[in-house]
Amino acid sequence: MRSGCLKKIVVTTSLLAVLVVAFFAYRFHAHSDVLWRIVSQQCIPHQRQSQQPEPCQHVDLAQGYALLKDNVGIAQYLLIPTDKISGVESPALLQPQTPNYFYLAWQQLPQLNERLGRLVPPTDLALAINGKWGRSQNQLHIHLSCLRGDVQQQLNDYQTVITSKWQTLPLLNHQYWVRSLSLEQLQAESLFRQIYADFPNIDPKSGQVGIALTQLADGRLVVMVLRTDWLKGVLGSAEELQDHQCRVVFDKYRS
């Protein structure tokens, strides 16, 4: 009897947590066009008219992306398509003609060096994109920022067991699907297409994955995929692996 009541309490609590999360997700989505308005109404017109893409730092119309300094964080940038692409659930990401946004974002990581005032190794930096329910904007954007120090330590501990085959590993308090890949593999094919090909049980249109990318100490890249799990309150926010205050960088500098 007590066991049955306990199960009901757990289920009820989980459902309430999901409802609360859904409410705040709805509130965030009410202002979900801000990034697209900035890029489409300011950065792109300014780039075309005067080659000065303010408020963006860079606009590449040929390769189809803009780079914008985020208001949050010391050195956080956002790589944003110049086409209207909602997010990880967009069918456009599966098209071969769509720009390879993760590779383009990886190439832009040196931009963080200037903001941080020092040469920062890619092992201290990370890219991340959130799932549909773990984001506030309905325009695809990849976060370029620092990696959390505790996550970096976990990856160092896992380095010998991380291979080119997908496996689940705990990062922070969540289970991530993790695999290594080379820079050539990242350049050769869109990371979105690679992931959805490797996980046929994930509906690409569901938007239920968050993706992060960094470099291991041995030079390999590592991709980390977080799947949405409503009952556990996991919304696919791979951005949780980043530290926008860049403590991992400044702690090393002080030491």
C-alpha atoms as a PDB file:
ATOM      1  CA  MET A   1       0.000   0.000   0.000  1.00  0.00           C
ATOM      2  CA  ARG A   2       2.738   2.392   0.990  1.00  0.00           C
ATOM      3  CA  SER A   3       4.716   1.424  -2.099  1.00  0.00           C
ATOM      4  CA  GLY A   4       1.719   2.209  -4.320  1.00  0.00           C
ATOM      5  CA  CYS A   5       1.239   5.623  -2.704  1.00  0.00           C
ATOM      6  CA  LEU A   6       4.915   6.387  -3.070  1.00  0.00           C
ATOM      7  CA  LYS A   7       4.796   5.571  -6.787  1.00  0.00           C
ATOM      8  CA  LYS A   8       1.788   7.857  -7.226  1.00  0.00           C
ATOM      9  CA  ILE A   9       3.605  10.666  -5.451  1.00  0.00           C
ATOM     10  CA  VAL A  10       6.692  10.213  -7.659  1.00  0.00           C
ATOM     11  CA  VAL A  11       4.611  10.190 -10.853  1.00  0.00           C
ATOM     12  CA  THR A  12       2.579  13.218  -9.742  1.00  0.00           C
ATOM     13  CA  THR A  13       5.737  15.139  -8.811  1.00  0.00           C
ATOM     14  CA  SER A  14       7.315  14.296 -12.168  1.00  0.00           C
ATOM     15  CA  LEU A  15       4.234  15.476 -14.056  1.00  0.00           C
ATOM     16  CA  LEU A  16       4.134  18.708 -12.072  1.00  0.00           C
ATOM     17  CA  ALA A  17       7.797  19.285 -12.879  1.00  0.00           C
ATOM     18  CA  VAL A  18       7.081  18.735 -16.567  1.00  0.00           C
ATOM     19  CA  LEU A  19       4.165  21.208 -16.450  1.00  0.00           C
ATOM     20  CA  VAL A  20       6.304  23.837 -14.737  1.00  0.00           C
ATOM     21  CA  VAL A  21       9.069  23.372 -17.300  1.00  0.00           C
ATOM     22  CA  ALA A  22       6.559  23.554 -20.143  1.00  0.00           C
ATOM     23  CA  PHE A  23       5.105  26.778 -18.737  1.00  0.00           C
ATOM     24  CA  PHE A  24       8.489  28.489 -18.605  1.00  0.00           C
ATOM     25  CA  ALA A  25       9.396  27.119 -22.045  1.00  0.00           C
ATOM     26  CA  TYR A  26       6.202  28.705 -23.377  1.00  0.00           C
ATOM     27  CA  ARG A  27       7.080  32.031 -21.718  1.00  0.00           C
ATOM     28  CA  PHE A  28      10.518  31.978 -23.282  1.00  0.00           C
ATOM     29  CA  HIS A  29       9.141  31.128 -26.706  1.00  0.00           C
ATOM     30  CA  ALA A  30       6.865  34.177 -26.558  1.00  0.00           C
ATOM     31  CA  HIS A  31       9.987  36.255 -27.370  1.00  0.00           C
ATOM     32  CA  SER A  32      11.635  33.690 -29.590  1.00  0.00           C
ATOM     33  CA  ASP A  33      12.163  35.875 -32.668  1.00  0.00           C
ATOM     34  CA  VAL A  34      14.661  38.353 -31.165  1.00  0.00           C
ATOM     35  CA  LEU A  35      17.777  36.792 -32.698  1.00  0.00           C
ATOM     36  CA  TRP A  36      16.196  36.503 -36.127  1.00  0.00           C
ATOM     37  CA  ARG A  37      15.122  40.134 -36.044  1.00  0.00           C
ATOM     38  CA  ILE A  38      18.647  41.246 -35.152  1.00  0.00           C
ATOM     39  CA  VAL A  39      20.236  39.227 -37.947  1.00  0.00           C
ATOM     40  CA  SER A  40      17.638  39.807 -40.670  1.00  0.00           C
ATOM     41  CA  GLN A  41      16.753  43.445 -39.936  1.00  0.00           C
ATOM     42  CA  GLN A  42      20.114  44.813 -38.789  1.00  0.00           C
ATOM     43  CA  CYS A  43      23.197  42.675 -39.449  1.00  0.00           C
ATOM     44  CA  ILE A  44      22.412  41.542 -42.987  1.00  0.00           C
ATOM     45  CA  PRO A  45      21.175  44.954 -44.284  1.00  0.00           C
ATOM     46  CA  HIS A  46      24.161  46.733 -42.693  1.00  0.00           C
ATOM     47  CA  GLN A  47      26.555  44.248 -44.252  1.00  0.00           C
ATOM     48  CA  ARG A  48      25.025  44.715 -47.691  1.00  0.00           C
ATOM     49  CA  GLN A  49      24.860  48.490 -47.461  1.00  0.00           C
ATOM     50  CA  SER A  50      28.180  49.371 -45.835  1.00  0.00           C
ATOM     51  CA  GLN A  51      30.145  46.176 -45.105  1.00  0.00           C
ATOM     52  CA  GLN A  52      29.672  47.052 -41.426  1.00  0.00           C
ATOM     53  CA  PRO A  53      27.433  44.318 -39.958  1.00  0.00           C
ATOM     54  CA  GLU A  54      26.650  45.900 -36.565  1.00  0.00           C
ATOM     55  CA  PRO A  55      25.488  44.734 -34.114  1.00  0.00           C
ATOM     56  CA  CYS A  56      26.992  41.486 -35.432  1.00  0.00           C
ATOM     57  CA  GLN A  57      30.755  41.109 -35.420  1.00  0.00           C
ATOM     58  CA  HIS A  58      30.801  39.305 -38.746  1.00  0.00           C
ATOM     59  CA  VAL A  59      28.397  38.384 -41.536  1.00  0.00           C
ATOM     60  CA  ASP A  60      29.398  35.961 -44.306  1.00  0.00           C
ATOM     61  CA  LEU A  61      26.607  35.952 -46.860  1.00  0.00           C
ATOM     62  CA  ALA A  62      28.446  33.513 -49.116  1.00  0.00           C
ATOM     63  CA  GLN A  63      28.698  30.865 -46.407  1.00  0.00           C
ATOM     64  CA  GLY A  64      25.368  31.818 -44.845  1.00  0.00           C
ATOM     65  CA  TYR A  65      26.097  32.775 -41.248  1.00  0.00           C
ATOM     66  CA  ALA A  66      26.429  35.702 -38.868  1.00  0.00           C
ATOM     67  CA  LEU A  67      28.516  35.923 -35.710  1.00  0.00           C
ATOM     68  CA  LEU A  68      27.032  37.884 -32.814  1.00  0.00           C
ATOM     69  CA  LYS A  69      28.489  38.600 -29.359  1.00  0.00           C
ATOM     70  CA  ASP A  70      25.936  37.451 -26.811  1.00  0.00           C
ATOM     71  CA  ASN A  71      25.031  39.818 -23.984  1.00  0.00           C
ATOM     72  CA  VAL A  72      25.542  36.951 -21.539  1.00  0.00           C
ATOM     73  CA  GLY A  73      29.099  36.014 -20.643  1.00  0.00           C
ATOM     74  CA  ILE A  74      32.586  37.362 -21.079  1.00  0.00           C
ATOM     75  CA  ALA A  75      33.351  35.820 -24.447  1.00  0.00           C
ATOM     76  CA  GLN A  76      30.204  34.046 -25.593  1.00  0.00           C
ATOM     77  CA  TYR A  77      29.370  34.356 -29.274  1.00  0.00           C
ATOM     78  CA  LEU A  78      26.488  32.964 -31.290  1.00  0.00           C
ATOM     79  CA  LEU A  79      26.794  31.615 -34.807  1.00  0.00           C
ATOM     80  CA  ILE A  80      23.446  32.227 -36.509  1.00  0.00           C
ATOM     81  CA  PRO A  81      22.325  31.231 -40.028  1.00  0.00           C
ATOM     82  CA  THR A  82      21.431  34.077 -42.361  1.00  0.00           C
ATOM     83  CA  ASP A  83      18.544  31.911 -43.585  1.00  0.00           C
ATOM     84  CA  LYS A  84      15.449  31.360 -41.425  1.00  0.00           C
ATOM     85  CA  ILE A  85      16.124  28.050 -39.704  1.00  0.00           C
ATOM     86  CA  SER A  86      14.209  27.419 -36.489  1.00  0.00           C
ATOM     87  CA  GLY A  87      16.562  25.005 -34.726  1.00  0.00           C
ATOM     88  CA  VAL A  88      17.719  21.389 -34.491  1.00  0.00           C
ATOM     89  CA  GLU A  89      14.307  20.203 -35.696  1.00  0.00           C
ATOM     90  CA  SER A  90      14.513  22.029 -39.048  1.00  0.00           C
ATOM     91  CA  PRO A  91      14.378  19.740 -42.133  1.00  0.00           C
ATOM     92  CA  ALA A  92      16.842  22.123 -43.798  1.00  0.00           C
ATOM     93  CA  LEU A  93      19.638  20.682 -41.643  1.00  0.00           C
ATOM     94  CA  LEU A  94      19.333  17.358 -43.453  1.00  0.00           C
ATOM     95  CA  GLN A  95      19.805  18.918 -46.883  1.00  0.00           C
ATOM     96  CA  PRO A  96      23.323  18.548 -48.363  1.00  0.00           C
ATOM     97  CA  GLN A  97      23.340  22.150 -49.623  1.00  0.00           C
ATOM     98  CA  THR A  98      22.798  23.579 -46.138  1.00  0.00           C
ATOM     99  CA  PRO A  99      26.000  25.092 -44.671  1.00  0.00           C
ATOM    100  CA  ASN A 100      28.002  22.995 -42.255  1.00  0.00           C
ATOM    101  CA  TYR A 101      27.248  25.206 -39.271  1.00  0.00           C
ATOM    102  CA  PHE A 102      29.193  23.294 -36.634  1.00  0.00           C
ATOM    103  CA  TYR A 103      32.346  23.312 -38.755  1.00  0.00           C
ATOM    104  CA  LEU A 104      31.897  27.030 -39.437  1.00  0.00           C
ATOM    105  CA  ALA A 105      31.427  27.646 -35.715  1.00  0.00           C
ATOM    106  CA  TRP A 106      34.549  25.646 -34.871  1.00  0.00           C
ATOM    107  CA  GLN A 107      36.531  27.835 -37.266  1.00  0.00           C
ATOM    108  CA  GLN A 108      35.294  30.930 -35.418  1.00  0.00           C
ATOM    109  CA  LEU A 109      36.470  29.819 -31.954  1.00  0.00           C
ATOM    110  CA  PRO A 110      39.662  31.961 -32.210  1.00  0.00           C
ATOM    111  CA  GLN A 111      37.365  34.987 -31.937  1.00  0.00           C
ATOM    112  CA  LEU A 112      37.155  34.212 -28.218  1.00  0.00           C
ATOM    113  CA  ASN A 113      40.895  34.779 -27.808  1.00  0.00           C
ATOM    114  CA  GLU A 114      40.541  38.502 -28.396  1.00  0.00           C
ATOM    115  CA  ARG A 115      37.719  38.813 -25.878  1.00  0.00           C
ATOM    116  CA  LEU A 116      39.636  36.809 -23.281  1.00  0.00           C
ATOM    117  CA  GLY A 117      42.889  38.636 -23.903  1.00  0.00           C
ATOM    118  CA  ARG A 118      44.988  35.495 -24.312  1.00  0.00           C
ATOM    119  CA  LEU A 119      45.506  32.486 -26.557  1.00  0.00           C
ATOM    120  CA  VAL A 120      43.055  29.864 -25.333  1.00  0.00           C
ATOM    121  CA  PRO A 121      43.448  26.190 -26.346  1.00  0.00           C
ATOM    122  CA  PRO A 122      40.373  24.551 -27.893  1.00  0.00           C
ATOM    123  CA  THR A 123      40.283  22.117 -24.967  1.00  0.00           C
ATOM    124  CA  ASP A 124      39.051  25.073 -22.868  1.00  0.00           C
ATOM    125  CA  LEU A 125      36.333  26.008 -25.359  1.00  0.00           C
ATOM    126  CA  ALA A 126      33.141  24.365 -26.572  1.00  0.00           C
ATOM    127  CA  LEU A 127      30.302  24.668 -29.032  1.00  0.00           C
ATOM    128  CA  ALA A 128      26.743  23.886 -27.971  1.00  0.00           C
ATOM    129  CA  ILE A 129      23.240  23.969 -29.370  1.00  0.00           C
ATOM    130  CA  ASN A 130      20.134  23.317 -27.304  1.00  0.00           C
ATOM    131  CA  GLY A 131      17.153  21.141 -28.148  1.00  0.00           C
ATOM    132  CA  LYS A 132      13.793  22.629 -29.079  1.00  0.00           C
ATOM    133  CA  TRP A 133      12.496  22.760 -25.498  1.00  0.00           C
ATOM    134  CA  GLY A 134      15.788  23.831 -23.973  1.00  0.00           C
ATOM    135  CA  ARG A 135      16.194  27.077 -25.872  1.00  0.00           C
ATOM    136  CA  SER A 136      14.659  30.530 -25.814  1.00  0.00           C
ATOM    137  CA  GLN A 137      14.990  31.420 -29.512  1.00  0.00           C
ATOM    138  CA  ASN A 138      13.428  29.951 -32.629  1.00  0.00           C
ATOM    139  CA  GLN A 139      16.370  30.807 -34.839  1.00  0.00           C
ATOM    140  CA  LEU A 140      19.144  28.253 -34.907  1.00  0.00           C
ATOM    141  CA  HIS A 141      22.185  29.460 -32.998  1.00  0.00           C
ATOM    142  CA  ILE A 142      25.321  27.679 -31.874  1.00  0.00           C
ATOM    143  CA  HIS A 143      26.883  28.917 -28.637  1.00  0.00           C
ATOM    144  CA  LEU A 144      30.649  29.492 -28.768  1.00  0.00           C
ATOM    145  CA  SER A 145      31.923  29.752 -25.222  1.00  0.00           C
ATOM    146  CA  CYS A 146      34.215  28.280 -22.570  1.00  0.00           C
ATOM    147  CA  LEU A 147      33.923  24.709 -21.331  1.00  0.00           C
ATOM    148  CA  ARG A 148      33.079  24.114 -17.688  1.00  0.00           C
ATOM    149  CA  GLY A 149      36.136  23.090 -15.697  1.00  0.00           C
ATOM    150  CA  ASP A 150      34.423  20.109 -14.066  1.00  0.00           C
ATOM    151  CA  VAL A 151      33.230  18.864 -17.460  1.00  0.00           C
ATOM    152  CA  GLN A 152      36.766  19.213 -18.819  1.00  0.00           C
ATOM    153  CA  GLN A 153      38.013  17.092 -15.918  1.00  0.00           C
ATOM    154  CA  GLN A 154      35.380  14.440 -16.581  1.00  0.00           C
ATOM    155  CA  LEU A 155      36.355  14.294 -20.243  1.00  0.00           C
ATOM    156  CA  ASN A 156      40.016  13.966 -19.268  1.00  0.00           C
ATOM    157  CA  ASP A 157      39.069  11.029 -17.060  1.00  0.00           C
ATOM    158  CA  TYR A 158      37.065   9.428 -19.871  1.00  0.00           C
ATOM    159  CA  GLN A 159      39.630  10.087 -22.598  1.00  0.00           C
ATOM    160  CA  THR A 160      41.002   6.551 -22.761  1.00  0.00           C
ATOM    161  CA  VAL A 161      37.531   5.012 -23.117  1.00  0.00           C
ATOM    162  CA  ILE A 162      36.104   7.501 -25.614  1.00  0.00           C
ATOM    163  CA  THR A 163      36.215   6.041 -29.126  1.00  0.00           C
ATOM    164  CA  SER A 164      34.646   6.679 -32.518  1.00  0.00           C
ATOM    165  CA  LYS A 165      31.707   4.491 -31.404  1.00  0.00           C
ATOM    166  CA  TRP A 166      28.781   6.024 -29.568  1.00  0.00           C
ATOM    167  CA  GLN A 167      28.474   5.222 -25.870  1.00  0.00           C
ATOM    168  CA  THR A 168      26.681   6.757 -22.914  1.00  0.00           C
ATOM    169  CA  LEU A 169      28.734   8.579 -20.312  1.00  0.00           C
ATOM    170  CA  PRO A 170      27.618  10.746 -17.391  1.00  0.00           C
ATOM    171  CA  LEU A 171      28.459  14.437 -17.676  1.00  0.00           C
ATOM    172  CA  LEU A 172      27.305  16.632 -14.828  1.00  0.00           C
ATOM    173  CA  ASN A 173      24.128  14.830 -13.748  1.00  0.00           C
ATOM    174  CA  HIS A 174      22.943  13.707 -17.183  1.00  0.00           C
ATOM    175  CA  GLN A 175      23.631  10.799 -19.488  1.00  0.00           C
ATOM    176  CA  TYR A 176      25.173  11.904 -22.781  1.00  0.00           C
ATOM    177  CA  TRP A 177      25.837   9.936 -25.924  1.00  0.00           C
ATOM    178  CA  VAL A 178      29.523  10.525 -26.647  1.00  0.00           C
ATOM    179  CA  ARG A 179      31.942   9.748 -29.467  1.00  0.00           C
ATOM    180  CA  SER A 180      35.182  11.086 -30.890  1.00  0.00           C
ATOM    181  CA  LEU A 181      35.670  12.372 -34.410  1.00  0.00           C
ATOM    182  CA  SER A 182      38.359  14.098 -36.404  1.00  0.00           C
ATOM    183  CA  LEU A 183      38.368  17.634 -37.742  1.00  0.00           C
ATOM    184  CA  GLU A 184      38.248  16.126 -41.239  1.00  0.00           C
ATOM    185  CA  GLN A 185      35.063  14.236 -40.336  1.00  0.00           C
ATOM    186  CA  LEU A 186      33.521  17.417 -38.938  1.00  0.00           C
ATOM    187  CA  GLN A 187      34.370  19.250 -42.151  1.00  0.00           C
ATOM    188  CA  ALA A 188      33.253  16.467 -44.483  1.00  0.00           C
ATOM    189  CA  GLU A 189      29.632  16.252 -43.359  1.00  0.00           C
ATOM    190  CA  SER A 190      27.222  18.261 -41.241  1.00  0.00           C
ATOM    191  CA  LEU A 191      27.217  17.086 -37.642  1.00  0.00           C
ATOM    192  CA  PHE A 192      23.415  17.224 -37.653  1.00  0.00           C
ATOM    193  CA  ARG A 193      23.265  14.772 -40.565  1.00  0.00           C
ATOM    194  CA  GLN A 194      25.835  12.497 -38.933  1.00  0.00           C
ATOM    195  CA  ILE A 195      23.913  12.331 -35.664  1.00  0.00           C
ATOM    196  CA  TYR A 196      20.512  11.688 -37.205  1.00  0.00           C
ATOM    197  CA  ALA A 197      22.016   9.000 -39.443  1.00  0.00           C
ATOM    198  CA  ASP A 198      23.599   7.305 -36.429  1.00  0.00           C
ATOM    199  CA  PHE A 199      20.408   7.504 -34.348  1.00  0.00           C
ATOM    200  CA  PRO A 200      17.550   6.375 -36.623  1.00  0.00           C
ATOM    201  CA  ASN A 201      15.241   6.065 -33.597  1.00  0.00           C
ATOM    202  CA  ILE A 202      15.374   9.853 -33.120  1.00  0.00           C
ATOM    203  CA  ASP A 203      12.866  11.764 -35.204  1.00  0.00           C
ATOM    204  CA  PRO A 204      14.821  14.765 -36.573  1.00  0.00           C
ATOM    205  CA  LYS A 205      11.631  16.860 -36.551  1.00  0.00           C
ATOM    206  CA  SER A 206      11.155  16.331 -32.808  1.00  0.00           C
ATOM    207  CA  GLY A 207      14.005  18.652 -31.874  1.00  0.00           C
ATOM    208  CA  GLN A 208      14.775  16.456 -28.882  1.00  0.00           C
ATOM    209  CA  VAL A 209      18.562  16.612 -28.945  1.00  0.00           C
ATOM    210  CA  GLY A 210      21.123  19.054 -27.672  1.00  0.00           C
ATOM    211  CA  ILE A 211      24.633  18.832 -29.105  1.00  0.00           C
ATOM    212  CA  ALA A 212      28.016  19.958 -27.778  1.00  0.00           C
ATOM    213  CA  LEU A 213      31.512  19.748 -29.228  1.00  0.00           C
ATOM    214  CA  THR A 214      34.983  20.292 -27.780  1.00  0.00           C
ATOM    215  CA  GLN A 215      38.507  18.957 -28.105  1.00  0.00           C
ATOM    216  CA  LEU A 216      40.090  16.298 -25.923  1.00  0.00           C
ATOM    217  CA  ALA A 217      43.581  16.692 -24.509  1.00  0.00           C
ATOM    218  CA  ASP A 218      44.887  14.169 -27.065  1.00  0.00           C
ATOM    219  CA  GLY A 219      43.710  16.364 -29.959  1.00  0.00           C
ATOM    220  CA  ARG A 220      40.593  14.446 -30.973  1.00  0.00           C
ATOM    221  CA  LEU A 221      37.266  16.210 -31.150  1.00  0.00           C
ATOM    222  CA  VAL A 222      34.452  14.859 -28.998  1.00  0.00           C
ATOM    223  CA  VAL A 223      30.744  15.278 -29.707  1.00  0.00           C
ATOM    224  CA  MET A 224      28.202  14.960 -26.900  1.00  0.00           C
ATOM    225  CA  VAL A 225      24.482  14.466 -27.496  1.00  0.00           C
ATOM    226  CA  LEU A 226      21.861  15.042 -24.799  1.00  0.00           C
ATOM    227  CA  ARG A 227      18.397  13.651 -25.468  1.00  0.00           C
ATOM    228  CA  THR A 228      15.264  15.257 -24.094  1.00  0.00           C
ATOM    229  CA  ASP A 229      13.590  13.322 -21.285  1.00  0.00           C
ATOM    230  CA  TRP A 230      10.483  15.124 -20.039  1.00  0.00           C
ATOM    231  CA  LEU A 231       9.911  12.848 -17.054  1.00  0.00           C
ATOM    232  CA  LYS A 232      13.419  13.551 -15.772  1.00  0.00           C
ATOM    233  CA  GLY A 233      13.191  17.250 -16.562  1.00  0.00           C
ATOM    234  CA  VAL A 234      15.943  16.988 -19.189  1.00  0.00           C
ATOM    235  CA  LEU A 235      15.242  19.462 -22.006  1.00  0.00           C
ATOM    236  CA  GLY A 236      18.280  18.822 -24.167  1.00  0.00           C
ATOM    237  CA  SER A 237      20.166  21.942 -23.049  1.00  0.00           C
ATOM    238  CA  ALA A 238      23.718  20.983 -23.993  1.00  0.00           C
ATOM    239  CA  GLU A 239      24.686  24.568 -23.177  1.00  0.00           C
ATOM    240  CA  GLU A 240      24.873  23.355 -19.558  1.00  0.00           C
ATOM    241  CA  LEU A 241      28.376  22.065 -20.390  1.00  0.00           C
ATOM    242  CA  GLN A 242      29.594  25.617 -20.976  1.00  0.00           C
ATOM    243  CA  ASP A 243      30.715  28.279 -18.527  1.00  0.00           C
ATOM    244  CA  HIS A 244      30.035  31.737 -19.909  1.00  0.00           C
ATOM    245  CA  GLN A 245      32.187  33.279 -17.159  1.00  0.00           C
ATOM    246  CA  CYS A 246      35.170  31.254 -18.436  1.00  0.00           C
ATOM    247  CA  ARG A 247      36.442  30.290 -14.993  1.00  0.00           C
ATOM    248  CA  VAL A 248      38.476  27.413 -16.486  1.00  0.00           C
ATOM    249  CA  VAL A 249      40.536  29.975 -18.411  1.00  0.00           C
ATOM    250  CA  PHE A 250      41.038  32.501 -15.628  1.00  0.00           C
ATOM    251  CA  ASP A 251      41.782  29.863 -13.007  1.00  0.00           C
ATOM    252  CA  LYS A 252      44.653  28.578 -15.166  1.00  0.00           C
ATOM    253  CA  TYR A 253      45.864  32.121 -15.722  1.00  0.00           C
ATOM    254  CA  ARG A 254      45.936  32.842 -11.981  1.00  0.00           C
ATOM    255  CA  SER A 255      47.771  29.606 -11.267  1.00  0.00           C
END
